[in-house]
Amino acid sequence: MDRIEKLKNDVYSFEELDTLEKNATKLNDLQTLDLIAISRLSKIAKGEQPTKEKNGGATPSRSQTRSRRGR
């Protein structure tokens, strides 16, 4: 199963999605970034929760990260 199919089928964990997002952002891969966002929302809708980081907060979403950069 290739990366796109895995994203469509919610195979990746939240941590793996974070790594994929970093790589897709560097490559400006908009299709993958869209699928990652959909996969995260789908996982949350199914009741899965992202794991908390040591600082107690969840990993910031792409939009939150972008808004911080613009300040």
PDB file of N, CA and C in Angstrom:
ATOM      1  N   MET A   1       0.862  -1.176   0.000  1.00  0.00           N
ATOM      2  CA  MET A   1       0.000   0.000   0.000  1.00  0.00           C
ATOM      3  C   MET A   1       0.908   1.238   0.000  1.00  0.00           C
ATOM      4  N   ASP A   2       0.650   2.170  -0.884  1.00  0.00           N
ATOM      5  CA  ASP A   2       1.483   3.364  -0.951  1.00  0.00           C
ATOM      6  C   ASP A   2       1.020   4.427   0.051  1.00  0.00           C
ATOM      7  N   ARG A   3       1.810   5.464   0.157  1.00  0.00           N
ATOM      8  CA  ARG A   3       1.577   6.528   1.139  1.00  0.00           C
ATOM      9  C   ARG A   3       0.195   7.158   0.997  1.00  0.00           C
ATOM     10  N   ILE A   4      -0.232   7.441  -0.214  1.00  0.00           N
ATOM     11  CA  ILE A   4      -1.533   8.083  -0.448  1.00  0.00           C
ATOM     12  C   ILE A   4      -2.664   7.174   0.033  1.00  0.00           C
ATOM     13  N   GLU A   5      -2.583   5.892  -0.303  1.00  0.00           N
ATOM     14  CA  GLU A   5      -3.620   4.948   0.126  1.00  0.00           C
ATOM     15  C   GLU A   5      -3.641   4.817   1.651  1.00  0.00           C
ATOM     16  N   LYS A   6      -2.465   4.801   2.265  1.00  0.00           N
ATOM     17  CA  LYS A   6      -2.405   4.713   3.728  1.00  0.00           C
ATOM     18  C   LYS A   6      -3.057   5.947   4.369  1.00  0.00           C
ATOM     19  N   LEU A   7      -2.815   7.117   3.788  1.00  0.00           N
ATOM     20  CA  LEU A   7      -3.437   8.337   4.311  1.00  0.00           C
ATOM     21  C   LEU A   7      -4.953   8.275   4.166  1.00  0.00           C
ATOM     22  N   LYS A   8      -5.419   7.792   3.043  1.00  0.00           N
ATOM     23  CA  LYS A   8      -6.863   7.707   2.813  1.00  0.00           C
ATOM     24  C   LYS A   8      -7.526   6.704   3.748  1.00  0.00           C
ATOM     25  N   ASN A   9      -6.779   5.692   4.191  1.00  0.00           N
ATOM     26  CA  ASN A   9      -7.332   4.643   5.050  1.00  0.00           C
ATOM     27  C   ASN A   9      -6.986   4.824   6.528  1.00  0.00           C
ATOM     28  N   ASP A  10      -6.486   5.980   6.916  1.00  0.00           N
ATOM     29  CA  ASP A  10      -6.151   6.295   8.311  1.00  0.00           C
ATOM     30  C   ASP A  10      -5.227   5.262   8.955  1.00  0.00           C
ATOM     31  N   VAL A  11      -4.209   4.855   8.229  1.00  0.00           N
ATOM     32  CA  VAL A  11      -3.273   3.849   8.738  1.00  0.00           C
ATOM     33  C   VAL A  11      -2.244   4.477   9.670  1.00  0.00           C
ATOM     34  N   TYR A  12      -1.856   5.706   9.412  1.00  0.00           N
ATOM     35  CA  TYR A  12      -0.783   6.352  10.169  1.00  0.00           C
ATOM     36  C   TYR A  12      -1.247   6.832  11.539  1.00  0.00           C
ATOM     37  N   SER A  13      -0.336   6.777  12.513  1.00  0.00           N
ATOM     38  CA  SER A  13      -0.602   7.325  13.850  1.00  0.00           C
ATOM     39  C   SER A  13      -0.451   8.845  13.790  1.00  0.00           C
ATOM     40  N   PHE A  14      -0.853   9.521  14.856  1.00  0.00           N
ATOM     41  CA  PHE A  14      -0.705  10.977  14.897  1.00  0.00           C
ATOM     42  C   PHE A  14       0.767  11.379  14.804  1.00  0.00           C
ATOM     43  N   GLU A  15       1.646  10.614  15.434  1.00  0.00           N
ATOM     44  CA  GLU A  15       3.077  10.920  15.390  1.00  0.00           C
ATOM     45  C   GLU A  15       3.618  10.775  13.967  1.00  0.00           C
ATOM     46  N   GLU A  16       3.172   9.727  13.277  1.00  0.00           N
ATOM     47  CA  GLU A  16       3.596   9.539  11.891  1.00  0.00           C
ATOM     48  C   GLU A  16       3.042  10.647  10.999  1.00  0.00           C
ATOM     49  N   LEU A  17       1.828  11.083  11.282  1.00  0.00           N
ATOM     50  CA  LEU A  17       1.249  12.191  10.511  1.00  0.00           C
ATOM     51  C   LEU A  17       2.065  13.462  10.698  1.00  0.00           C
ATOM     52  N   ASP A  18       2.568  13.685  11.919  1.00  0.00           N
ATOM     53  CA  ASP A  18       3.411  14.856  12.166  1.00  0.00           C
ATOM     54  C   ASP A  18       4.669  14.818  11.307  1.00  0.00           C
ATOM     55  N   THR A  19       5.298  13.647  11.244  1.00  0.00           N
ATOM     56  CA  THR A  19       6.509  13.488  10.439  1.00  0.00           C
ATOM     57  C   THR A  19       6.198  13.671   8.957  1.00  0.00           C
ATOM     58  N   LEU A  20       5.120  13.060   8.500  1.00  0.00           N
ATOM     59  CA  LEU A  20       4.720  13.227   7.097  1.00  0.00           C
ATOM     60  C   LEU A  20       4.436  14.694   6.778  1.00  0.00           C
ATOM     61  N   GLU A  21       3.810  15.384   7.720  1.00  0.00           N
ATOM     62  CA  GLU A  21       3.492  16.791   7.502  1.00  0.00           C
ATOM     63  C   GLU A  21       4.757  17.629   7.362  1.00  0.00           C
ATOM     64  N   LYS A  22       5.749  17.370   8.188  1.00  0.00           N
ATOM     65  CA  LYS A  22       7.011  18.111   8.098  1.00  0.00           C
ATOM     66  C   LYS A  22       7.651  17.903   6.731  1.00  0.00           C
ATOM     67  N   ASN A  23       7.684  16.646   6.282  1.00  0.00           N
ATOM     68  CA  ASN A  23       8.286  16.347   4.986  1.00  0.00           C
ATOM     69  C   ASN A  23       7.480  16.942   3.838  1.00  0.00           C
ATOM     70  N   ALA A  24       6.169  16.845   3.897  1.00  0.00           N
ATOM     71  CA  ALA A  24       5.321  17.382   2.834  1.00  0.00           C
ATOM     72  C   ALA A  24       5.422  18.910   2.775  1.00  0.00           C
ATOM     73  N   THR A  25       5.572  19.539   3.934  1.00  0.00           N
ATOM     74  CA  THR A  25       5.715  20.996   3.970  1.00  0.00           C
ATOM     75  C   THR A  25       7.012  21.411   3.288  1.00  0.00           C
ATOM     76  N   LYS A  26       8.096  20.683   3.583  1.00  0.00           N
ATOM     77  CA  LYS A  26       9.382  20.994   2.950  1.00  0.00           C
ATOM     78  C   LYS A  26       9.303  20.848   1.436  1.00  0.00           C
ATOM     79  N   LEU A  27       8.530  19.851   0.984  1.00  0.00           N
ATOM     80  CA  LEU A  27       8.399  19.590  -0.450  1.00  0.00           C
ATOM     81  C   LEU A  27       7.252  20.359  -1.102  1.00  0.00           C
ATOM     82  N   ASN A  28       6.501  21.100  -0.289  1.00  0.00           N
ATOM     83  CA  ASN A  28       5.336  21.846  -0.760  1.00  0.00           C
ATOM     84  C   ASN A  28       4.339  20.920  -1.470  1.00  0.00           C
ATOM     85  N   ASP A  29       4.112  19.748  -0.876  1.00  0.00           N
ATOM     86  CA  ASP A  29       3.218  18.728  -1.430  1.00  0.00           C
ATOM     87  C   ASP A  29       1.807  18.970  -0.887  1.00  0.00           C
ATOM     88  N   LEU A  30       1.051  19.756  -1.607  1.00  0.00           N
ATOM     89  CA  LEU A  30      -0.274  20.171  -1.148  1.00  0.00           C
ATOM     90  C   LEU A  30      -1.263  19.016  -1.067  1.00  0.00           C
ATOM     91  N   GLN A  31      -1.169  18.053  -1.978  1.00  0.00           N
ATOM     92  CA  GLN A  31      -2.074  16.906  -1.947  1.00  0.00           C
ATOM     93  C   GLN A  31      -1.881  16.121  -0.646  1.00  0.00           C
ATOM     94  N   THR A  32      -0.639  15.858  -0.286  1.00  0.00           N
ATOM     95  CA  THR A  32      -0.356  15.120   0.937  1.00  0.00           C
ATOM     96  C   THR A  32      -0.776  15.919   2.163  1.00  0.00           C
ATOM     97  N   LEU A  33      -0.535  17.218   2.168  1.00  0.00           N
ATOM     98  CA  LEU A  33      -0.932  18.050   3.303  1.00  0.00           C
ATOM     99  C   LEU A  33      -2.444  18.025   3.500  1.00  0.00           C
ATOM    100  N   ASP A  34      -3.193  18.057   2.412  1.00  0.00           N
ATOM    101  CA  ASP A  34      -4.657  17.984   2.505  1.00  0.00           C
ATOM    102  C   ASP A  34      -5.099  16.629   3.062  1.00  0.00           C
ATOM    103  N   LEU A  35      -4.475  15.553   2.585  1.00  0.00           N
ATOM    104  CA  LEU A  35      -4.828  14.222   3.068  1.00  0.00           C
ATOM    105  C   LEU A  35      -4.471  14.034   4.543  1.00  0.00           C
ATOM    106  N   ILE A  36      -3.380  14.635   4.974  1.00  0.00           N
ATOM    107  CA  ILE A  36      -2.986  14.565   6.385  1.00  0.00           C
ATOM    108  C   ILE A  36      -4.039  15.257   7.247  1.00  0.00           C
ATOM    109  N   ALA A  37      -4.489  16.428   6.820  1.00  0.00           N
ATOM    110  CA  ALA A  37      -5.518  17.148   7.574  1.00  0.00           C
ATOM    111  C   ALA A  37      -6.803  16.328   7.655  1.00  0.00           C
ATOM    112  N   ILE A  38      -7.202  15.726   6.550  1.00  0.00           N
ATOM    113  CA  ILE A  38      -8.412  14.894   6.528  1.00  0.00           C
ATOM    114  C   ILE A  38      -8.235  13.680   7.435  1.00  0.00           C
ATOM    115  N   SER A  39      -7.066  13.065   7.383  1.00  0.00           N
ATOM    116  CA  SER A  39      -6.800  11.886   8.201  1.00  0.00           C
ATOM    117  C   SER A  39      -6.866  12.225   9.690  1.00  0.00           C
ATOM    118  N   ARG A  40      -6.294  13.368  10.077  1.00  0.00           N
ATOM    119  CA  ARG A  40      -6.344  13.787  11.489  1.00  0.00           C
ATOM    120  C   ARG A  40      -7.795  13.979  11.942  1.00  0.00           C
ATOM    121  N   LEU A  41      -8.578  14.679  11.130  1.00  0.00           N
ATOM    122  CA  LEU A  41      -9.979  14.923  11.480  1.00  0.00           C
ATOM    123  C   LEU A  41     -10.762  13.621  11.562  1.00  0.00           C
ATOM    124  N   SER A  42     -10.484  12.705  10.655  1.00  0.00           N
ATOM    125  CA  SER A  42     -11.158  11.415  10.651  1.00  0.00           C
ATOM    126  C   SER A  42     -10.825  10.620  11.912  1.00  0.00           C
ATOM    127  N   LYS A  43      -9.557  10.625  12.300  1.00  0.00           N
ATOM    128  CA  LYS A  43      -9.143   9.911  13.511  1.00  0.00           C
ATOM    129  C   LYS A  43      -9.827  10.500  14.748  1.00  0.00           C
ATOM    130  N   ILE A  44      -9.888  11.813  14.822  1.00  0.00           N
ATOM    131  CA  ILE A  44     -10.533  12.476  15.964  1.00  0.00           C
ATOM    132  C   ILE A  44     -12.025  12.151  15.981  1.00  0.00           C
ATOM    133  N   ALA A  45     -12.651  12.144  14.799  1.00  0.00           N
ATOM    134  CA  ALA A  45     -14.078  11.816  14.713  1.00  0.00           C
ATOM    135  C   ALA A  45     -14.351  10.381  15.155  1.00  0.00           C
ATOM    136  N   LYS A  46     -13.382   9.499  14.959  1.00  0.00           N
ATOM    137  CA  LYS A  46     -13.520   8.107  15.379  1.00  0.00           C
ATOM    138  C   LYS A  46     -13.213   7.919  16.868  1.00  0.00           C
ATOM    139  N   GLY A  47     -12.818   9.005  17.532  1.00  0.00           N
ATOM    140  CA  GLY A  47     -12.550   8.930  18.965  1.00  0.00           C
ATOM    141  C   GLY A  47     -11.093   8.793  19.341  1.00  0.00           C
ATOM    142  N   GLU A  48     -10.202   8.745  18.367  1.00  0.00           N
ATOM    143  CA  GLU A  48      -8.774   8.676  18.682  1.00  0.00           C
ATOM    144  C   GLU A  48      -8.288  10.054  19.106  1.00  0.00           C
ATOM    145  N   GLN A  49      -7.340  10.068  20.015  1.00  0.00           N
ATOM    146  CA  GLN A  49      -6.793  11.331  20.495  1.00  0.00           C
ATOM    147  C   GLN A  49      -5.287  11.355  20.270  1.00  0.00           C
ATOM    148  N   PRO A  50      -4.752  12.507  19.863  1.00  0.00           N
ATOM    149  CA  PRO A  50      -3.292  12.604  19.732  1.00  0.00           C
ATOM    150  C   PRO A  50      -2.648  12.500  21.109  1.00  0.00           C
ATOM    151  N   THR A  51      -1.459  11.919  21.167  1.00  0.00           N
ATOM    152  CA  THR A  51      -0.754  11.817  22.444  1.00  0.00           C
ATOM    153  C   THR A  51      -0.217  13.182  22.825  1.00  0.00           C
ATOM    154  N   LYS A  52      -0.115  13.395  24.112  1.00  0.00           N
ATOM    155  CA  LYS A  52       0.381  14.671  24.605  1.00  0.00           C
ATOM    156  C   LYS A  52       1.902  14.672  24.612  1.00  0.00           C
ATOM    157  N   GLU A  53       2.488  15.849  24.356  1.00  0.00           N
ATOM    158  CA  GLU A  53       3.930  15.999  24.439  1.00  0.00           C
ATOM    159  C   GLU A  53       4.326  16.184  25.894  1.00  0.00           C
ATOM    160  N   LYS A  54       5.611  16.179  26.146  1.00  0.00           N
ATOM    161  CA  LYS A  54       6.104  16.331  27.514  1.00  0.00           C
ATOM    162  C   LYS A  54       5.687  17.657  28.136  1.00  0.00           C
ATOM    163  N   ASN A  55       5.531  18.695  27.312  1.00  0.00           N
ATOM    164  CA  ASN A  55       5.147  19.998  27.844  1.00  0.00           C
ATOM    165  C   ASN A  55       3.651  20.081  28.145  1.00  0.00           C
ATOM    166  N   GLY A  56       2.929  18.987  27.901  1.00  0.00           N
ATOM    167  CA  GLY A  56       1.511  18.940  28.241  1.00  0.00           C
ATOM    168  C   GLY A  56       0.569  19.379  27.143  1.00  0.00           C
ATOM    169  N   GLY A  57       1.100  19.869  26.038  1.00  0.00           N
ATOM    170  CA  GLY A  57       0.240  20.326  24.959  1.00  0.00           C
ATOM    171  C   GLY A  57       0.279  19.377  23.783  1.00  0.00           C
ATOM    172  N   ALA A  58      -0.769  19.377  23.024  1.00  0.00           N
ATOM    173  CA  ALA A  58      -0.796  18.566  21.811  1.00  0.00           C
ATOM    174  C   ALA A  58       0.045  19.257  20.751  1.00  0.00           C
ATOM    175  N   THR A  59       0.430  18.530  19.757  1.00  0.00           N
ATOM    176  CA  THR A  59       1.198  19.095  18.660  1.00  0.00           C
ATOM    177  C   THR A  59       0.350  20.147  17.949  1.00  0.00           C
ATOM    178  N   PRO A  60       0.913  21.349  17.713  1.00  0.00           N
ATOM    179  CA  PRO A  60       0.115  22.388  17.057  1.00  0.00           C
ATOM    180  C   PRO A  60      -0.234  21.994  15.634  1.00  0.00           C
ATOM    181  N   SER A  61      -1.414  22.386  15.205  1.00  0.00           N
ATOM    182  CA  SER A  61      -1.821  22.093  13.844  1.00  0.00           C
ATOM    183  C   SER A  61      -1.057  22.984  12.875  1.00  0.00           C
ATOM    184  N   ARG A  62      -1.150  22.641  11.616  1.00  0.00           N
ATOM    185  CA  ARG A  62      -0.436  23.402  10.594  1.00  0.00           C
ATOM    186  C   ARG A  62      -0.887  24.858  10.581  1.00  0.00           C
ATOM    187  N   SER A  63      -2.184  25.106  10.738  1.00  0.00           N
ATOM    188  CA  SER A  63      -2.681  26.479  10.706  1.00  0.00           C
ATOM    189  C   SER A  63      -2.199  27.268  11.914  1.00  0.00           C
ATOM    190  N   GLN A  64      -2.110  26.610  13.080  1.00  0.00           N
ATOM    191  CA  GLN A  64      -1.603  27.290  14.269  1.00  0.00           C
ATOM    192  C   GLN A  64      -0.139  27.654  14.090  1.00  0.00           C
ATOM    193  N   THR A  65       0.631  26.751  13.505  1.00  0.00           N
ATOM    194  CA  THR A  65       2.051  26.999  13.283  1.00  0.00           C
ATOM    195  C   THR A  65       2.227  28.154  12.308  1.00  0.00           C
ATOM    196  N   ARG A  66       1.427  28.170  11.254  1.00  0.00           N
ATOM    197  CA  ARG A  66       1.528  29.252  10.274  1.00  0.00           C
ATOM    198  C   ARG A  66       1.185  30.596  10.890  1.00  0.00           C
ATOM    199  N   SER A  67       0.147  30.624  11.749  1.00  0.00           N
ATOM    200  CA  SER A  67      -0.252  31.911  12.331  1.00  0.00           C
ATOM    201  C   SER A  67       0.817  32.425  13.274  1.00  0.00           C
ATOM    202  N   ARG A  68       1.523  31.539  13.935  1.00  0.00           N
ATOM    203  CA  ARG A  68       2.605  31.971  14.819  1.00  0.00           C
ATOM    204  C   ARG A  68       3.774  32.554  14.042  1.00  0.00           C
ATOM    205  N   ARG A  69       4.053  31.974  12.878  1.00  0.00           N
ATOM    206  CA  ARG A  69       5.155  32.465  12.054  1.00  0.00           C
ATOM    207  C   ARG A  69       4.865  33.885  11.541  1.00  0.00           C
ATOM    208  N   GLY A  70       3.615  34.176  11.295  1.00  0.00           N
ATOM    209  CA  GLY A  70       3.236  35.467  10.733  1.00  0.00           C
ATOM    210  C   GLY A  70       3.264  36.607  11.728  1.00  0.00           C
ATOM    211  N   ARG A  71       3.390  36.297  12.985  1.00  0.00           N
ATOM    212  CA  ARG A  71       3.385  37.354  14.015  1.00  0.00           C
ATOM    213  C   ARG A  71       4.699  38.050  14.128  1.00  0.00           C
TER     214      ARG A  71
END
